[in-house]
N, C-alpha and C. Protein backbone atom coordinates (compact mmCIF):
# COMPACT_ATOMS: atom_id res chain seq x y z
N MET A 1 95.71 19.99 -20.08
CA MET A 1 96.31 18.66 -20.05
C MET A 1 96.36 18.13 -21.47
N ASN A 2 97.50 17.65 -21.86
CA ASN A 2 97.63 17.16 -23.23
C ASN A 2 97.13 15.73 -23.33
N THR A 3 97.08 15.22 -24.56
CA THR A 3 96.50 13.89 -24.80
C THR A 3 97.42 12.75 -24.37
N GLU A 4 98.70 13.01 -24.17
CA GLU A 4 99.61 11.94 -23.80
C GLU A 4 99.45 11.52 -22.34
N MET A 5 99.01 12.43 -21.48
CA MET A 5 98.90 12.13 -20.06
C MET A 5 97.86 11.05 -19.78
N PRO A 6 96.63 11.14 -20.34
CA PRO A 6 95.68 10.05 -20.08
C PRO A 6 96.19 8.70 -20.58
N ALA A 7 96.90 8.70 -21.70
CA ALA A 7 97.44 7.45 -22.22
C ALA A 7 98.50 6.91 -21.27
N LEU A 8 99.35 7.78 -20.75
CA LEU A 8 100.39 7.36 -19.81
C LEU A 8 99.76 6.81 -18.53
N VAL A 9 98.73 7.49 -18.05
CA VAL A 9 98.03 7.02 -16.84
C VAL A 9 97.41 5.66 -17.10
N ALA A 10 96.81 5.48 -18.28
CA ALA A 10 96.20 4.19 -18.61
C ALA A 10 97.24 3.09 -18.66
N VAL A 11 98.39 3.37 -19.26
CA VAL A 11 99.46 2.37 -19.34
C VAL A 11 99.94 1.99 -17.94
N ILE A 12 100.11 2.98 -17.09
CA ILE A 12 100.56 2.72 -15.72
C ILE A 12 99.52 1.90 -14.96
N ALA A 13 98.23 2.25 -15.13
CA ALA A 13 97.17 1.50 -14.45
C ALA A 13 97.11 0.06 -14.93
N ILE A 14 97.24 -0.14 -16.23
CA ILE A 14 97.22 -1.50 -16.78
C ILE A 14 98.42 -2.29 -16.26
N THR A 15 99.59 -1.64 -16.23
CA THR A 15 100.80 -2.31 -15.74
C THR A 15 100.63 -2.71 -14.28
N MET A 16 100.07 -1.81 -13.48
CA MET A 16 99.87 -2.13 -12.07
C MET A 16 98.87 -3.28 -11.91
N GLY A 17 97.83 -3.28 -12.74
CA GLY A 17 96.86 -4.37 -12.71
C GLY A 17 97.50 -5.69 -13.08
N LEU A 18 98.33 -5.66 -14.12
CA LEU A 18 99.02 -6.88 -14.53
C LEU A 18 99.96 -7.38 -13.44
N ILE A 19 100.61 -6.46 -12.76
CA ILE A 19 101.50 -6.86 -11.66
C ILE A 19 100.71 -7.59 -10.59
N LYS A 20 99.53 -7.09 -10.26
CA LYS A 20 98.70 -7.75 -9.24
C LYS A 20 98.27 -9.13 -9.70
N VAL A 21 97.89 -9.25 -10.97
CA VAL A 21 97.51 -10.56 -11.50
C VAL A 21 98.69 -11.52 -11.44
N ILE A 22 99.85 -11.02 -11.81
CA ILE A 22 101.06 -11.86 -11.77
C ILE A 22 101.37 -12.28 -10.34
N GLU A 23 101.21 -11.35 -9.39
CA GLU A 23 101.45 -11.69 -7.99
C GLU A 23 100.51 -12.81 -7.54
N MET A 24 99.24 -12.72 -7.95
CA MET A 24 98.29 -13.76 -7.57
C MET A 24 98.68 -15.09 -8.18
N LEU A 25 99.08 -15.07 -9.46
CA LEU A 25 99.47 -16.32 -10.12
C LEU A 25 100.70 -16.94 -9.47
N ILE A 26 101.65 -16.10 -9.10
CA ILE A 26 102.88 -16.61 -8.50
C ILE A 26 102.62 -17.12 -7.09
N SER A 27 101.76 -16.43 -6.35
CA SER A 27 101.53 -16.81 -4.97
C SER A 27 100.78 -18.13 -4.84
N LYS A 28 100.05 -18.51 -5.88
CA LYS A 28 99.37 -19.81 -5.85
C LYS A 28 100.42 -20.91 -5.86
N THR A 29 100.17 -21.90 -5.07
CA THR A 29 101.10 -23.03 -5.10
C THR A 29 100.85 -23.84 -6.36
N SER A 30 101.88 -24.45 -6.80
CA SER A 30 101.79 -25.26 -8.01
C SER A 30 100.92 -26.48 -7.73
N SER A 31 99.88 -26.61 -8.50
CA SER A 31 98.99 -27.76 -8.32
C SER A 31 98.84 -28.51 -9.63
N LYS A 32 98.25 -29.67 -9.55
CA LYS A 32 98.05 -30.46 -10.75
C LYS A 32 97.06 -29.79 -11.70
N ASN A 33 96.18 -28.96 -11.17
CA ASN A 33 95.18 -28.28 -11.99
C ASN A 33 95.70 -26.98 -12.60
N SER A 34 96.93 -26.61 -12.30
CA SER A 34 97.48 -25.35 -12.80
C SER A 34 97.62 -25.39 -14.32
N VAL A 35 97.27 -24.27 -14.95
CA VAL A 35 97.39 -24.17 -16.40
C VAL A 35 98.79 -23.71 -16.81
N LEU A 36 99.60 -23.29 -15.85
CA LEU A 36 100.94 -22.79 -16.14
C LEU A 36 101.96 -23.92 -16.10
N THR A 37 102.86 -23.89 -17.03
CA THR A 37 103.98 -24.83 -16.98
C THR A 37 105.03 -24.28 -16.02
N SER A 38 105.98 -25.10 -15.66
CA SER A 38 107.03 -24.62 -14.75
C SER A 38 107.85 -23.51 -15.41
N GLU A 39 108.02 -23.58 -16.73
CA GLU A 39 108.74 -22.53 -17.45
C GLU A 39 107.98 -21.21 -17.37
N GLU A 40 106.66 -21.26 -17.56
CA GLU A 40 105.84 -20.05 -17.48
C GLU A 40 105.84 -19.49 -16.06
N ARG A 41 105.79 -20.39 -15.08
CA ARG A 41 105.83 -19.95 -13.69
C ARG A 41 107.15 -19.23 -13.39
N GLY A 42 108.25 -19.77 -13.91
CA GLY A 42 109.55 -19.13 -13.73
C GLY A 42 109.61 -17.78 -14.40
N TRP A 43 109.02 -17.68 -15.60
CA TRP A 43 108.99 -16.40 -16.32
C TRP A 43 108.21 -15.36 -15.53
N LEU A 44 107.05 -15.76 -15.00
CA LEU A 44 106.24 -14.83 -14.21
C LEU A 44 106.96 -14.41 -12.94
N GLN A 45 107.66 -15.34 -12.32
CA GLN A 45 108.43 -15.01 -11.11
C GLN A 45 109.52 -13.99 -11.45
N GLY A 46 110.21 -14.20 -12.56
CA GLY A 46 111.25 -13.25 -12.98
C GLY A 46 110.68 -11.88 -13.28
N LEU A 47 109.53 -11.85 -13.95
CA LEU A 47 108.86 -10.58 -14.25
C LEU A 47 108.47 -9.86 -12.97
N HIS A 48 107.96 -10.62 -12.03
CA HIS A 48 107.58 -10.05 -10.73
C HIS A 48 108.80 -9.46 -10.03
N GLU A 49 109.92 -10.17 -10.07
CA GLU A 49 111.13 -9.68 -9.42
C GLU A 49 111.63 -8.39 -10.07
N VAL A 50 111.52 -8.29 -11.39
CA VAL A 50 111.94 -7.07 -12.09
C VAL A 50 111.07 -5.90 -11.64
N HIS A 51 109.77 -6.12 -11.52
CA HIS A 51 108.87 -5.04 -11.12
C HIS A 51 109.06 -4.64 -9.66
N GLU A 52 109.59 -5.51 -8.85
CA GLU A 52 109.81 -5.21 -7.44
C GLU A 52 111.11 -4.46 -7.18
N LYS A 53 112.05 -4.46 -8.13
CA LYS A 53 113.35 -3.82 -7.92
C LYS A 53 113.20 -2.30 -7.90
N CYS A 54 113.98 -1.68 -7.02
CA CYS A 54 113.97 -0.22 -6.89
C CYS A 54 115.40 0.29 -6.92
N ASP A 55 115.54 1.57 -7.28
CA ASP A 55 116.87 2.15 -7.25
C ASP A 55 117.17 2.65 -5.84
N SER A 56 118.28 3.37 -5.67
CA SER A 56 118.75 3.76 -4.34
C SER A 56 117.78 4.67 -3.59
N ASP A 57 116.97 5.45 -4.31
CA ASP A 57 116.03 6.34 -3.62
C ASP A 57 114.63 5.73 -3.50
N GLY A 58 114.48 4.46 -3.84
CA GLY A 58 113.21 3.77 -3.65
C GLY A 58 112.26 3.83 -4.84
N THR A 59 112.67 4.46 -5.93
CA THR A 59 111.83 4.54 -7.11
C THR A 59 111.89 3.22 -7.87
N PRO A 60 110.72 2.65 -8.19
CA PRO A 60 110.75 1.39 -8.96
C PRO A 60 111.48 1.59 -10.29
N LEU A 61 112.26 0.58 -10.69
CA LEU A 61 113.03 0.69 -11.93
C LEU A 61 112.15 0.72 -13.17
N VAL A 62 110.92 0.21 -13.08
CA VAL A 62 110.04 0.20 -14.25
C VAL A 62 109.23 1.49 -14.34
N TYR A 63 109.40 2.41 -13.40
CA TYR A 63 108.69 3.68 -13.41
C TYR A 63 109.29 4.61 -14.45
N VAL A 64 108.42 5.26 -15.23
CA VAL A 64 108.87 6.23 -16.23
C VAL A 64 108.43 7.61 -15.76
N PRO A 65 109.38 8.48 -15.42
CA PRO A 65 109.02 9.81 -14.93
C PRO A 65 108.27 10.63 -15.98
N ARG A 66 107.37 11.47 -15.52
CA ARG A 66 106.62 12.33 -16.43
C ARG A 66 107.53 13.31 -17.17
N SER A 67 108.63 13.67 -16.55
CA SER A 67 109.54 14.62 -17.19
C SER A 67 110.11 14.06 -18.49
N TRP A 68 110.13 12.74 -18.62
CA TRP A 68 110.65 12.14 -19.85
C TRP A 68 109.76 12.44 -21.04
N ALA A 69 108.47 12.64 -20.81
CA ALA A 69 107.55 12.93 -21.91
C ALA A 69 107.96 14.23 -22.60
N GLU A 70 108.30 15.24 -21.82
CA GLU A 70 108.73 16.52 -22.40
C GLU A 70 110.05 16.36 -23.15
N ILE A 71 110.96 15.60 -22.58
CA ILE A 71 112.24 15.35 -23.24
C ILE A 71 112.02 14.63 -24.56
N GLN A 72 111.12 13.64 -24.57
CA GLN A 72 110.84 12.91 -25.80
C GLN A 72 110.21 13.81 -26.85
N ARG A 73 109.33 14.71 -26.43
CA ARG A 73 108.73 15.67 -27.38
C ARG A 73 109.81 16.56 -27.98
N ASN A 74 110.72 17.03 -27.14
CA ASN A 74 111.81 17.87 -27.64
C ASN A 74 112.69 17.10 -28.62
N MET A 75 113.00 15.85 -28.30
CA MET A 75 113.82 15.04 -29.20
C MET A 75 113.10 14.80 -30.52
N GLN A 76 111.80 14.57 -30.46
CA GLN A 76 111.02 14.36 -31.68
C GLN A 76 111.04 15.62 -32.54
N HIS A 77 110.92 16.77 -31.89
CA HIS A 77 110.95 18.04 -32.62
C HIS A 77 112.30 18.23 -33.31
N VAL A 78 113.38 17.95 -32.60
CA VAL A 78 114.72 18.08 -33.18
C VAL A 78 114.89 17.12 -34.35
N MET A 79 114.45 15.87 -34.19
CA MET A 79 114.59 14.90 -35.27
C MET A 79 113.76 15.29 -36.48
N THR A 80 112.58 15.85 -36.25
CA THR A 80 111.74 16.31 -37.37
C THR A 80 112.44 17.44 -38.12
N LYS A 81 113.07 18.35 -37.37
CA LYS A 81 113.81 19.43 -38.02
C LYS A 81 114.97 18.88 -38.84
N ILE A 82 115.66 17.88 -38.30
CA ILE A 82 116.78 17.27 -39.03
C ILE A 82 116.30 16.65 -40.33
N VAL A 83 115.19 15.92 -40.27
CA VAL A 83 114.64 15.28 -41.47
C VAL A 83 114.25 16.34 -42.50
N ASN A 84 113.61 17.41 -42.05
CA ASN A 84 113.23 18.48 -42.98
C ASN A 84 114.46 19.13 -43.61
N ASP A 85 115.49 19.35 -42.81
CA ASP A 85 116.73 19.92 -43.35
C ASP A 85 117.37 18.97 -44.37
N GLN A 86 117.36 17.68 -44.07
CA GLN A 86 117.93 16.71 -45.00
C GLN A 86 117.15 16.69 -46.32
N ARG A 87 115.84 16.82 -46.24
CA ARG A 87 115.03 16.87 -47.46
C ARG A 87 115.37 18.10 -48.29
N ARG A 88 115.52 19.24 -47.61
CA ARG A 88 115.88 20.47 -48.33
C ARG A 88 117.25 20.32 -48.98
N ILE A 89 118.20 19.74 -48.26
CA ILE A 89 119.54 19.53 -48.82
C ILE A 89 119.47 18.59 -50.02
N ALA A 90 118.68 17.53 -49.90
CA ALA A 90 118.54 16.59 -51.02
C ALA A 90 117.93 17.28 -52.24
N ASP A 91 116.94 18.15 -52.02
CA ASP A 91 116.34 18.89 -53.13
C ASP A 91 117.36 19.81 -53.79
N ILE A 92 118.16 20.49 -52.97
CA ILE A 92 119.19 21.40 -53.51
C ILE A 92 120.21 20.60 -54.31
N LEU A 93 120.66 19.48 -53.76
CA LEU A 93 121.63 18.65 -54.48
C LEU A 93 121.05 18.11 -55.79
N GLU A 94 119.78 17.78 -55.78
CA GLU A 94 119.14 17.29 -57.00
C GLU A 94 119.09 18.39 -58.06
N ARG A 95 118.77 19.61 -57.64
CA ARG A 95 118.75 20.73 -58.60
C ARG A 95 120.15 21.01 -59.14
N ILE A 96 121.16 20.94 -58.27
CA ILE A 96 122.54 21.15 -58.71
C ILE A 96 122.93 20.07 -59.72
N ASP A 97 122.56 18.83 -59.42
CA ASP A 97 122.87 17.72 -60.32
C ASP A 97 122.21 17.91 -61.68
N LYS A 98 120.97 18.38 -61.69
CA LYS A 98 120.26 18.62 -62.96
C LYS A 98 120.94 19.73 -63.76
N LYS A 99 121.39 20.78 -63.06
CA LYS A 99 122.07 21.88 -63.76
C LYS A 99 123.40 21.43 -64.34
N LEU A 100 124.10 20.57 -63.61
CA LEU A 100 125.38 20.07 -64.10
C LEU A 100 125.20 19.14 -65.30
N ASP A 101 124.09 18.41 -65.33
CA ASP A 101 123.80 17.52 -66.46
C ASP A 101 123.48 18.29 -67.73
N ASN A 102 122.94 19.48 -67.62
CA ASN A 102 122.57 20.28 -68.80
C ASN A 102 123.74 20.94 -69.38
């Protein structure tokens, strides 16, 4: 198991915990003792609604599939190769420029 999986699990667990806290805050009726303003209450309600939305097959829209981690690693590898190639090209162009100056 690589090091990204525990971090992903932790993020998902924290997100789920926050969703439950938000649900509790929203479910409370607005009282005079509430620390939330009506604007904050509306923001929390909107956030709750976003987390409740699902696509056609029932998957929550805020869910990030594990398969994306591999795709992101591949993209990072490709971008790193591009940067390295650009550095090599810049070095070659710099050497050509120095030779032309002499």
